[in-house]
């Protein structure tokens, strides 16, 4: 079974705020490669998670979820 962190909650939050994924580059100061990693559910640093949470006033659980694929 594969385990992974998924960031669909982050993407949903952006959509509700009328933002696009690319807005993370300007609003949070992320690189385009980091935004691509978030979009693909790939590994990002805890610093990245911290910066997103700080900017949007949310907790890590508000933007990501652990999923186990069977």
Protein backbone atom coordinates (compact mmCIF):
# COMPACT_ATOMS: atom_id res chain seq x y z
CA UNK A 1 0.00 0.00 0.00
CA UNK A 2 1.28 3.43 -0.92
CA UNK A 3 0.97 6.28 1.56
CA UNK A 4 1.00 9.90 0.59
CA UNK A 5 0.20 13.41 1.67
CA UNK A 6 -2.36 15.01 -0.61
CA UNK A 7 -2.86 18.76 -0.94
CA UNK A 8 -6.37 18.85 -2.41
CA UNK A 9 -7.53 20.85 0.63
CA UNK A 10 -5.03 23.58 -0.29
CA UNK A 11 -6.22 23.61 -3.88
CA UNK A 12 -9.87 23.75 -2.73
CA UNK A 13 -9.05 26.64 -0.38
CA UNK A 14 -7.38 28.57 -3.20
CA UNK A 15 -10.40 28.05 -5.44
CA UNK A 16 -12.80 29.26 -2.74
CA UNK A 17 -10.66 32.39 -2.38
CA UNK A 18 -10.73 32.98 -6.14
CA UNK A 19 -7.02 32.19 -6.47
CA UNK A 20 -5.00 30.00 -8.78
CA UNK A 21 -2.10 27.70 -7.98
CA UNK A 22 0.27 30.19 -9.55
CA UNK A 23 -0.83 32.77 -6.98
CA UNK A 24 1.23 30.77 -4.45
CA UNK A 25 4.34 32.04 -6.24
CA UNK A 26 3.47 35.69 -5.60
CA UNK A 27 1.44 35.40 -2.37
CA UNK A 28 3.70 32.94 -0.52
CA UNK A 29 6.96 33.28 -2.44
CA UNK A 30 7.08 29.65 -3.56
CA UNK A 31 9.00 28.56 -6.63
CA UNK A 32 7.13 27.22 -9.64
CA UNK A 33 8.71 23.80 -9.04
CA UNK A 34 7.35 23.74 -5.47
CA UNK A 35 3.87 24.66 -6.69
CA UNK A 36 4.15 21.82 -9.23
CA UNK A 37 5.10 19.42 -6.42
CA UNK A 38 2.06 20.48 -4.39
CA UNK A 39 -0.17 19.98 -7.42
CA UNK A 40 1.22 16.47 -7.95
CA UNK A 41 1.14 15.50 -4.27
CA UNK A 42 4.93 15.21 -4.12
CA UNK A 43 7.16 15.86 -1.12
CA UNK A 44 7.66 19.46 0.01
CA UNK A 45 9.54 20.82 3.01
CA UNK A 46 7.96 21.68 6.33
CA UNK A 47 9.16 25.24 5.67
CA UNK A 48 6.87 25.33 2.64
CA UNK A 49 3.92 24.11 4.72
CA UNK A 50 4.76 26.68 7.41
CA UNK A 51 4.88 29.54 4.89
CA UNK A 52 1.50 28.58 3.40
CA UNK A 53 -0.09 28.29 6.85
CA UNK A 54 1.38 31.62 7.95
CA UNK A 55 0.18 33.45 4.84
CA UNK A 56 -3.37 32.10 4.91
CA UNK A 57 -3.84 31.78 8.68
CA UNK A 58 -4.54 28.05 8.58
CA UNK A 59 -3.24 24.87 10.21
CA UNK A 60 -1.44 22.07 8.27
CA UNK A 61 -4.55 19.87 8.49
CA UNK A 62 -6.51 22.59 6.70
CA UNK A 63 -4.36 22.26 3.57
CA UNK A 64 -3.24 18.64 3.47
CA UNK A 65 -4.38 15.12 4.28
CA UNK A 66 -2.66 11.77 4.67
CA UNK A 67 -4.10 9.07 2.42
CA UNK A 68 -3.29 5.39 2.12
CA UNK A 69 -3.89 3.88 -1.30
CA UNK A 70 -4.91 0.21 -1.20
